[in-house]
Amino acid sequence: MSNASPFEFRAIQQEERQAFSNVVKYVFADSSIEVNEDEDNLKNEWTTAAFHNGKIVATSGGYPFTMRFNGKDMQADGLTAVGTAPGFRRRGLVREMVTQRLHQVHEDAKQSVSILWASMGAIYQRFGYGLASTHVSSEFDPRYASFQFASTQEGYVRILEKDEGLPIIQKLYDVFIQDRTLDLYRDNDMWKHHFGNKKRRSYVAVYFAANDEPQGYVAYNTREDRKLAEDGGPDQRLQVREFIYLNITAYRGLWEFLREHDLVRFVDMQMPLDDPSFNLLLEPRILGSDVWDGIWLRVVDASQALTERIYNHAGTIVLEVHDDAECPWNERRFLLETDGTRTEVAETNQSADATISPNGLASLLSGNATLSQLHRAGRADVADIAKLAQFDSLFATTYRPFCRDGF
């Protein structure tokens, strides 16, 4: 890459952490002086920075995640902190860092995919990332968010402090995510803010069944919004950070708990497209929903990634990946054979049932888009459209993909 020749690309050293942080904060308009704890969790060896005359001018990093992928564990590189200082943009630095990272992930042979939250999806689609989840962002008045059918609640909800609550919600979360897609396994660092930090208190309320067994929880923050008080009504906002439930009874109990906050004018909440509220509310329109892109996923090793999920039933398909400039080893034809749980993938010379771009493969594999949708959108080309219903069913996920962690 001739434009990048004056630049050095490498992991940072300990004495370069502050300079790395300064670039990241500038790019994302973070004017805080304090150390960002999440950023501080990014180890030096997980970073790649671009240096010009010994100074950091572009940044990137990646967390080694394990996530659930429709019933199986999948290792993923969580790309983060990608940015370039003004004066050095449009020189291919981000492309070089991302490409280096994809190649390193492939060489390490541990992670088959890369995932990220995109500041702009247009940036990462150029590198083969496809939309792996879509979520709903809602702002609603809890006074009007009642369910159509009432139910008798024999359980109860209680706000817990960290010492009592953390072991409970960790167990609930691990059970909840087993059949889901894109939810991350969490280490201690990822749990430490559920009950707040030095700056702000957060709350966790747990739903207990009548036999005192915990069956769900909601993590949230509250704050006063004085603009809402101008008309004399409730002047608080409640932001739901996480809503976990093992059954619909727990879901309903936690929802009603949120509605009992009489001084709250608005509840802010992000939810997957298959959240139960859409089928429970008397007036679903009250959710005031906006649809947003969620996780973007890049298939780094197609032959490995295709085996790392459960399929909806037994089936066979030949997929051909094309136009994969960043990961050219994926440009081949793969025969996928599965009994639903166990899957074998091998290179083949058989005719392709579907030819697909790396972006389309990411959306298909995660269950965010069906092969029919990708075929209609031009992200895939299916040889026999009579088989589309069969293939759509094969790649369907138990739940819509959704990630509850920012990184």
Protein backbone atom coordinates (compact mmCIF):
# COMPACT_ATOMS: atom_id res chain seq x y z
CA MET A 1 0.00 0.00 0.00
CA SER A 2 2.07 2.91 -1.30
CA ASN A 3 0.07 5.67 0.43
CA ALA A 4 0.77 4.05 3.81
CA SER A 5 4.49 3.48 3.25
CA PRO A 6 5.58 6.34 5.58
CA PHE A 7 3.63 4.66 8.40
CA GLU A 8 4.48 1.95 10.87
CA PHE A 9 1.77 -0.44 12.06
CA ARG A 10 2.17 -2.30 15.35
CA ALA A 11 0.75 -2.94 18.80
CA ILE A 12 1.30 -0.16 21.32
CA GLN A 13 3.62 -0.27 24.32
CA GLN A 14 2.58 0.61 27.86
CA GLU A 15 4.10 4.09 27.68
CA GLU A 16 2.01 4.77 24.53
CA ARG A 17 -1.37 4.07 26.11
CA GLN A 18 -2.16 7.70 26.86
CA ALA A 19 -1.36 8.76 23.29
CA PHE A 20 -3.54 5.90 21.99
CA SER A 21 -6.37 6.98 24.30
CA ASN A 22 -6.07 10.61 23.23
CA VAL A 23 -6.62 9.73 19.56
CA VAL A 24 -9.59 7.47 20.36
CA LYS A 25 -11.23 10.13 22.55
CA TYR A 26 -10.74 12.83 19.93
CA VAL A 27 -12.21 10.71 17.14
CA PHE A 28 -15.32 9.86 19.18
CA ALA A 29 -15.73 13.34 20.74
CA ASP A 30 -15.05 12.17 24.29
CA SER A 31 -13.84 15.21 26.21
CA SER A 32 -13.47 13.44 29.56
CA ILE A 33 -10.11 13.58 31.29
CA GLU A 34 -10.53 10.45 33.40
CA VAL A 35 -9.33 7.09 32.18
CA ASN A 36 -12.05 5.21 30.33
CA GLU A 37 -12.33 1.89 32.20
CA ASP A 38 -13.62 -0.02 29.18
CA GLU A 39 -10.76 1.31 27.06
CA ASP A 40 -8.35 0.45 29.87
CA ASN A 41 -9.44 -3.21 29.55
CA LEU A 42 -8.02 -3.30 26.02
CA LYS A 43 -4.63 -4.94 26.47
CA ASN A 44 -1.62 -3.57 24.61
CA GLU A 45 -1.18 -6.77 22.61
CA TRP A 46 -4.76 -6.50 21.37
CA THR A 47 -4.13 -3.16 19.66
CA THR A 48 -2.90 -2.09 16.25
CA ALA A 49 -1.91 1.54 15.76
CA ALA A 50 -0.50 3.54 12.86
CA PHE A 51 2.56 5.64 13.70
CA HIS A 52 3.87 8.61 11.73
CA ASN A 53 7.27 9.94 12.77
CA GLY A 54 6.86 8.00 16.01
CA LYS A 55 3.45 9.47 16.86
CA ILE A 56 0.13 7.58 16.92
CA VAL A 57 -2.18 8.88 14.19
CA ALA A 58 -4.66 5.97 13.85
CA THR A 59 -5.94 3.35 16.28
CA SER A 60 -7.67 -0.01 16.41
CA GLY A 61 -8.01 -2.97 18.73
CA GLY A 62 -9.89 -6.18 19.28
CA TYR A 63 -11.29 -8.09 22.23
CA PRO A 64 -11.12 -11.93 22.21
CA PHE A 65 -14.78 -12.75 22.74
CA THR A 66 -16.71 -15.99 23.00
CA MET A 67 -20.32 -15.60 21.94
CA ARG A 68 -23.35 -17.80 21.52
CA PHE A 69 -24.25 -18.50 17.92
CA ASN A 70 -27.61 -20.23 17.68
CA GLY A 71 -26.83 -22.86 20.28
CA LYS A 72 -23.05 -23.13 19.99
CA ASP A 73 -19.99 -21.23 21.17
CA MET A 74 -18.15 -19.18 18.59
CA GLN A 75 -14.86 -17.33 19.06
CA ALA A 76 -14.93 -13.77 17.72
CA ASP A 77 -12.57 -10.84 17.42
CA GLY A 78 -14.41 -7.78 18.75
CA LEU A 79 -13.04 -4.92 16.65
CA THR A 80 -13.06 -1.61 18.53
CA ALA A 81 -11.45 1.83 18.90
CA VAL A 82 -11.01 2.30 15.14
CA GLY A 83 -10.20 5.88 14.22
CA THR A 84 -7.81 8.22 12.44
CA ALA A 85 -6.68 11.66 13.53
CA PRO A 86 -7.56 14.56 11.18
CA GLY A 87 -4.70 15.31 8.86
CA PHE A 88 -4.09 11.62 8.20
CA ARG A 89 -7.47 10.53 6.87
CA ARG A 90 -8.17 9.22 3.35
CA ARG A 91 -4.74 7.58 3.25
CA GLY A 92 -5.83 3.96 3.67
CA LEU A 93 -4.76 3.66 7.31
CA VAL A 94 -8.03 2.10 8.49
CA ARG A 95 -8.02 -0.34 5.58
CA GLU A 96 -4.46 -1.37 6.41
CA MET A 97 -5.20 -1.86 10.11
CA VAL A 98 -8.42 -3.80 9.50
CA THR A 99 -6.82 -5.99 6.82
CA GLN A 100 -3.83 -6.72 9.03
CA ARG A 101 -6.17 -7.67 11.84
CA LEU A 102 -8.26 -9.99 9.64
CA HIS A 103 -5.11 -11.71 8.40
CA GLN A 104 -3.79 -12.09 11.95
CA VAL A 105 -7.08 -13.59 13.11
CA HIS A 106 -6.92 -16.08 10.24
CA GLU A 107 -3.31 -17.01 11.00
CA ASP A 108 -4.08 -17.55 14.70
CA ALA A 109 -6.89 -19.93 13.65
CA LYS A 110 -8.85 -19.38 16.88
CA GLN A 111 -11.53 -16.92 15.81
CA SER A 112 -13.56 -17.46 12.66
CA VAL A 113 -15.35 -14.10 12.62
CA SER A 114 -14.86 -10.44 13.48
CA ILE A 115 -17.67 -8.36 15.00
CA LEU A 116 -18.13 -4.66 15.71
CA TRP A 117 -20.50 -1.81 16.44
CA ALA A 118 -20.09 0.59 13.53
CA SER A 119 -19.92 4.36 13.83
CA MET A 120 -20.79 4.24 10.12
CA GLY A 121 -21.80 1.02 8.41
CA ALA A 122 -20.49 2.35 5.10
CA ILE A 123 -16.93 2.18 6.39
CA TYR A 124 -16.99 -1.51 7.24
CA GLN A 125 -19.09 -2.86 4.39
CA ARG A 126 -16.06 -2.05 2.21
CA PHE A 127 -14.13 -4.65 4.19
CA GLY A 128 -16.72 -7.43 3.85
CA TYR A 129 -18.69 -6.84 7.04
CA GLY A 130 -22.39 -7.64 6.78
CA LEU A 131 -25.30 -6.65 8.99
CA ALA A 132 -25.65 -9.42 11.58
CA SER A 133 -28.33 -7.90 13.81
CA THR A 134 -31.01 -5.27 13.68
CA HIS A 135 -32.60 -3.88 16.81
CA VAL A 136 -35.40 -1.60 17.92
CA SER A 137 -34.79 1.53 19.97
CA SER A 138 -37.89 2.57 21.92
CA GLU A 139 -38.95 5.54 23.99
CA PHE A 140 -42.33 5.08 25.63
CA ASP A 141 -44.51 6.44 28.42
CA PRO A 142 -44.92 3.58 30.91
CA ARG A 143 -48.34 4.89 31.98
CA TYR A 144 -49.76 3.78 28.62
CA ALA A 145 -47.65 0.64 28.06
CA SER A 146 -50.15 -1.88 29.39
CA PHE A 147 -50.59 -5.40 28.07
CA GLN A 148 -53.80 -6.39 26.34
CA PHE A 149 -54.50 -9.30 28.67
CA ALA A 150 -53.96 -9.11 32.40
CA SER A 151 -52.38 -12.00 34.26
CA THR A 152 -52.11 -12.88 37.92
CA GLN A 153 -48.57 -12.36 39.18
CA GLU A 154 -47.75 -14.76 41.98
CA GLY A 155 -44.10 -13.79 41.97
CA TYR A 156 -42.44 -10.56 43.07
CA VAL A 157 -39.66 -8.17 42.04
CA ARG A 158 -36.96 -6.92 44.38
CA ILE A 159 -34.06 -4.50 43.88
CA LEU A 160 -30.82 -6.18 44.92
CA GLU A 161 -27.43 -4.86 45.97
CA LYS A 162 -24.28 -6.14 44.27
CA ASP A 163 -23.14 -8.70 46.85
CA GLU A 164 -26.47 -10.52 46.75
CA GLY A 165 -27.49 -9.77 43.19
CA LEU A 166 -24.39 -10.35 41.06
CA PRO A 167 -24.19 -14.16 41.45
CA ILE A 168 -27.92 -14.40 40.75
CA ILE A 169 -27.94 -12.35 37.55
CA GLN A 170 -24.79 -14.02 36.22
CA LYS A 171 -26.51 -17.41 36.42
CA LEU A 172 -29.69 -16.05 34.85
CA TYR A 173 -27.78 -14.47 31.98
CA ASP A 174 -25.81 -17.64 31.22
CA VAL A 175 -29.04 -19.66 31.02
CA PHE A 176 -30.82 -17.01 28.97
CA ILE A 177 -28.21 -16.76 26.21
CA GLN A 178 -27.81 -20.48 25.49
CA ASP A 179 -30.08 -20.59 22.43
CA ARG A 180 -29.44 -17.03 21.32
CA THR A 181 -27.17 -15.47 18.72
CA LEU A 182 -24.47 -12.79 19.28
CA ASP A 183 -24.76 -12.63 23.08
CA LEU A 184 -21.29 -12.57 24.63
CA TYR A 185 -19.93 -14.56 27.52
CA ARG A 186 -18.83 -12.02 30.12
CA ASP A 187 -15.72 -11.87 32.24
CA ASN A 188 -15.59 -9.95 35.52
CA ASP A 189 -14.73 -6.68 33.75
CA MET A 190 -17.91 -6.88 31.70
CA TRP A 191 -20.06 -7.32 34.82
CA LYS A 192 -18.56 -4.62 37.00
CA HIS A 193 -20.86 -1.75 35.94
CA HIS A 194 -24.22 -3.50 36.34
CA PHE A 195 -24.60 -2.07 39.83
CA GLY A 196 -23.03 1.29 39.00
CA ASN A 197 -19.62 2.85 39.44
CA LYS A 198 -18.00 5.73 41.30
CA LYS A 199 -19.84 8.30 39.20
CA ARG A 200 -23.33 6.89 39.04
CA ARG A 201 -25.58 4.31 40.62
CA SER A 202 -27.28 1.66 38.53
CA TYR A 203 -30.03 -0.66 39.66
CA VAL A 204 -30.79 -4.33 39.19
CA ALA A 205 -34.25 -5.70 39.96
CA VAL A 206 -34.79 -9.46 40.01
CA TYR A 207 -38.06 -11.29 39.41
CA PHE A 208 -38.63 -14.18 41.83
CA ALA A 209 -41.31 -16.84 41.28
CA ALA A 210 -43.69 -17.77 44.07
CA ASN A 211 -41.20 -20.43 45.21
CA ASP A 212 -38.51 -17.70 45.53
CA GLU A 213 -36.58 -18.94 42.48
CA PRO A 214 -35.06 -16.08 40.43
CA GLN A 215 -36.34 -16.15 36.84
CA GLY A 216 -35.29 -12.83 35.33
CA TYR A 217 -33.88 -9.38 35.94
CA VAL A 218 -33.81 -5.87 34.58
CA ALA A 219 -30.75 -3.57 34.86
CA TYR A 220 -31.46 0.14 34.54
CA ASN A 221 -30.60 3.74 35.41
CA THR A 222 -32.87 6.63 36.35
CA ARG A 223 -32.33 10.36 36.00
CA GLU A 224 -34.25 13.59 36.25
CA ASP A 225 -35.02 15.44 33.02
CA ARG A 226 -36.07 18.96 33.94
CA LYS A 227 -37.38 19.71 30.47
CA LEU A 228 -40.09 17.12 31.09
CA ALA A 229 -41.21 18.98 34.22
CA GLU A 230 -42.23 22.09 32.30
CA ASP A 231 -45.77 20.81 31.77
CA GLY A 232 -46.10 19.63 35.36
CA GLY A 233 -45.98 15.92 34.62
CA PRO A 234 -43.51 13.20 35.61
CA ASP A 235 -39.96 14.39 35.04
CA GLN A 236 -37.79 11.28 35.13
CA ARG A 237 -36.29 8.98 32.51
CA LEU A 238 -35.59 5.31 33.06
CA GLN A 239 -33.01 3.72 30.77
CA VAL A 240 -33.18 -0.06 30.53
CA ARG A 241 -29.69 -1.44 30.06
CA GLU A 242 -30.62 -5.12 30.06
CA PHE A 243 -33.84 -7.15 30.21
CA ILE A 244 -33.35 -10.88 30.89
CA TYR A 245 -36.14 -13.41 31.41
CA LEU A 246 -36.39 -17.19 31.49
CA ASN A 247 -40.13 -17.32 30.79
CA ILE A 248 -42.97 -15.03 29.80
CA THR A 249 -44.20 -14.80 33.39
CA ALA A 250 -40.90 -13.23 34.42
CA TYR A 251 -41.05 -10.91 31.41
CA ARG A 252 -44.50 -9.67 32.35
CA GLY A 253 -43.54 -9.24 35.99
CA LEU A 254 -40.48 -7.15 35.15
CA TRP A 255 -42.42 -5.05 32.63
CA GLU A 256 -45.05 -4.22 35.23
CA PHE A 257 -42.29 -3.37 37.70
CA LEU A 258 -41.01 -0.73 35.27
CA ARG A 259 -44.50 0.67 34.88
CA GLU A 260 -44.79 1.17 38.64
CA HIS A 261 -42.25 4.02 38.55
CA ASP A 262 -44.83 6.77 38.85
CA LEU A 263 -42.39 9.66 38.36
CA VAL A 264 -41.02 8.25 35.10
CA ARG A 265 -42.26 9.94 31.93
CA PHE A 266 -40.21 7.91 29.48
CA VAL A 267 -38.60 4.49 29.43
CA ASP A 268 -35.72 4.17 26.95
CA MET A 269 -35.04 0.62 25.84
CA GLN A 270 -33.30 -1.29 23.07
CA MET A 271 -34.74 -4.65 22.14
CA PRO A 272 -34.49 -7.34 19.45
CA LEU A 273 -37.04 -7.46 16.66
CA ASP A 274 -38.73 -10.50 18.24
CA ASP A 275 -39.15 -8.95 21.69
CA PRO A 276 -42.38 -10.21 23.32
CA SER A 277 -43.72 -6.69 23.91
CA PHE A 278 -44.86 -6.32 20.30
CA ASN A 279 -47.31 -9.22 20.77
CA LEU A 280 -48.34 -8.34 24.33
CA LEU A 281 -49.10 -4.63 24.34
CA LEU A 282 -52.60 -3.28 24.03
CA GLU A 283 -51.17 -0.54 21.80
CA PRO A 284 -47.79 -1.57 20.34
CA ARG A 285 -47.47 1.85 18.70
CA ILE A 286 -46.80 3.33 22.15
CA LEU A 287 -43.26 1.94 21.91
CA GLY A 288 -42.32 4.70 19.48
CA SER A 289 -39.84 2.35 17.86
CA ASP A 290 -36.96 3.19 15.56
CA VAL A 291 -35.04 0.42 13.80
CA TRP A 292 -31.24 0.55 13.90
CA ASP A 293 -28.34 -1.49 12.63
CA GLY A 294 -26.70 -3.52 15.38
CA ILE A 295 -23.69 -5.81 15.17
CA TRP A 296 -21.71 -6.02 11.93
CA LEU A 297 -20.00 -9.34 11.34
CA ARG A 298 -17.13 -10.33 9.07
CA VAL A 299 -16.60 -14.00 8.22
CA VAL A 300 -12.82 -14.48 8.44
CA ASP A 301 -12.76 -18.25 7.90
CA ALA A 302 -15.87 -19.43 6.09
CA SER A 303 -15.15 -23.15 6.34
CA GLN A 304 -14.78 -22.89 10.12
CA ALA A 305 -17.58 -20.42 10.78
CA LEU A 306 -20.15 -22.49 8.90
CA THR A 307 -19.63 -25.35 11.37
CA GLU A 308 -19.97 -23.17 14.50
CA ARG A 309 -23.74 -22.91 14.76
CA ILE A 310 -26.73 -25.21 15.03
CA TYR A 311 -28.94 -25.41 11.94
CA ASN A 312 -32.71 -25.63 12.00
CA HIS A 313 -32.77 -29.16 10.54
CA ALA A 314 -30.72 -31.57 8.49
CA GLY A 315 -29.75 -30.32 5.08
CA THR A 316 -27.15 -29.81 2.38
CA ILE A 317 -26.11 -26.72 0.44
CA VAL A 318 -23.20 -25.71 -1.77
CA LEU A 319 -22.15 -22.10 -1.19
CA GLU A 320 -19.66 -20.21 -3.32
CA VAL A 321 -18.08 -17.08 -1.85
CA HIS A 322 -16.98 -14.45 -4.34
CA ASP A 323 -15.23 -11.05 -4.34
CA ASP A 324 -13.51 -11.45 -0.97
CA ALA A 325 -10.50 -9.18 -1.41
CA GLU A 326 -9.59 -8.94 2.28
CA CYS A 327 -9.88 -12.69 2.97
CA PRO A 328 -9.13 -14.31 -0.42
CA TRP A 329 -8.84 -17.79 1.12
CA ASN A 330 -12.65 -17.72 1.37
CA GLU A 331 -13.08 -17.45 -2.40
CA ARG A 332 -14.04 -21.05 -3.04
CA ARG A 333 -17.00 -23.41 -3.12
CA PHE A 334 -18.07 -25.10 0.10
CA LEU A 335 -20.24 -28.18 0.56
CA LEU A 336 -22.14 -27.92 3.85
CA GLU A 337 -23.74 -31.08 5.22
CA THR A 338 -25.51 -31.04 8.56
CA ASP A 339 -27.83 -33.13 10.69
CA GLY A 340 -28.77 -29.90 12.47
CA THR A 341 -26.28 -30.21 15.32
CA ARG A 342 -23.17 -31.65 13.71
CA THR A 343 -21.95 -29.97 10.54
CA GLU A 344 -19.20 -30.81 8.07
CA VAL A 345 -17.87 -28.32 5.53
CA ALA A 346 -15.48 -29.21 2.72
CA GLU A 347 -14.27 -27.60 -0.49
CA THR A 348 -16.07 -29.02 -3.51
CA ASN A 349 -16.30 -28.84 -7.30
CA GLN A 350 -20.06 -29.39 -7.27
CA SER A 351 -22.26 -26.73 -8.82
CA ALA A 352 -23.14 -23.95 -6.39
CA ASP A 353 -26.65 -23.73 -5.00
CA ALA A 354 -25.92 -20.12 -4.10
CA THR A 355 -23.15 -17.67 -4.91
CA ILE A 356 -22.79 -15.08 -2.15
CA SER A 357 -20.71 -12.06 -1.19
CA PRO A 358 -18.85 -11.98 2.14
CA ASN A 359 -21.30 -9.33 3.35
CA GLY A 360 -24.24 -11.53 2.44
CA LEU A 361 -22.65 -14.58 4.06
CA ALA A 362 -22.39 -12.69 7.36
CA SER A 363 -26.09 -11.77 7.31
CA LEU A 364 -27.11 -15.30 6.30
CA LEU A 365 -24.96 -17.10 8.87
CA SER A 366 -26.18 -14.93 11.75
CA GLY A 367 -29.84 -15.32 10.80
CA ASN A 368 -30.33 -11.60 10.30
CA ALA A 369 -31.38 -12.11 6.67
CA THR A 370 -32.76 -15.08 4.78
CA LEU A 371 -31.25 -16.34 1.56
CA SER A 372 -34.46 -15.21 -0.17
CA GLN A 373 -33.94 -11.66 1.07
CA LEU A 374 -30.28 -11.68 0.05
CA HIS A 375 -31.17 -13.09 -3.37
CA ARG A 376 -33.73 -10.33 -3.95
CA ALA A 377 -31.25 -7.68 -2.76
CA GLY A 378 -28.47 -8.92 -5.04
CA ARG A 379 -26.25 -10.06 -2.15
CA ALA A 380 -26.63 -13.66 -3.33
CA ASP A 381 -27.48 -15.49 -6.53
CA VAL A 382 -29.48 -18.70 -6.08
CA ALA A 383 -29.40 -21.29 -8.87
CA ASP A 384 -32.82 -22.85 -8.18
CA ILE A 385 -35.27 -20.48 -6.52
CA ALA A 386 -37.58 -23.43 -5.85
CA LYS A 387 -35.14 -24.40 -3.07
CA LEU A 388 -35.20 -21.01 -1.36
CA ALA A 389 -37.81 -21.99 1.24
CA GLN A 390 -35.71 -25.03 2.18
CA PHE A 391 -32.54 -22.95 2.51
CA ASP A 392 -34.32 -20.19 4.45
CA SER A 393 -35.51 -22.75 6.96
CA LEU A 394 -32.04 -24.33 7.21
CA PHE A 395 -30.34 -21.07 8.26
CA ALA A 396 -33.14 -19.81 10.53
CA THR A 397 -32.15 -19.05 14.13
CA THR A 398 -34.21 -19.80 17.24
CA TYR A 399 -34.19 -16.11 18.20
CA ARG A 400 -33.40 -12.99 16.21
CA PRO A 401 -29.71 -12.05 16.61
CA PHE A 402 -29.06 -9.38 19.24
CA CYS A 403 -26.04 -8.29 21.27
CA ARG A 404 -26.51 -6.76 24.71
CA ASP A 405 -22.94 -5.52 25.17
CA GLY A 406 -21.23 -2.49 23.74
CA PHE A 407 -17.49 -2.62 23.10
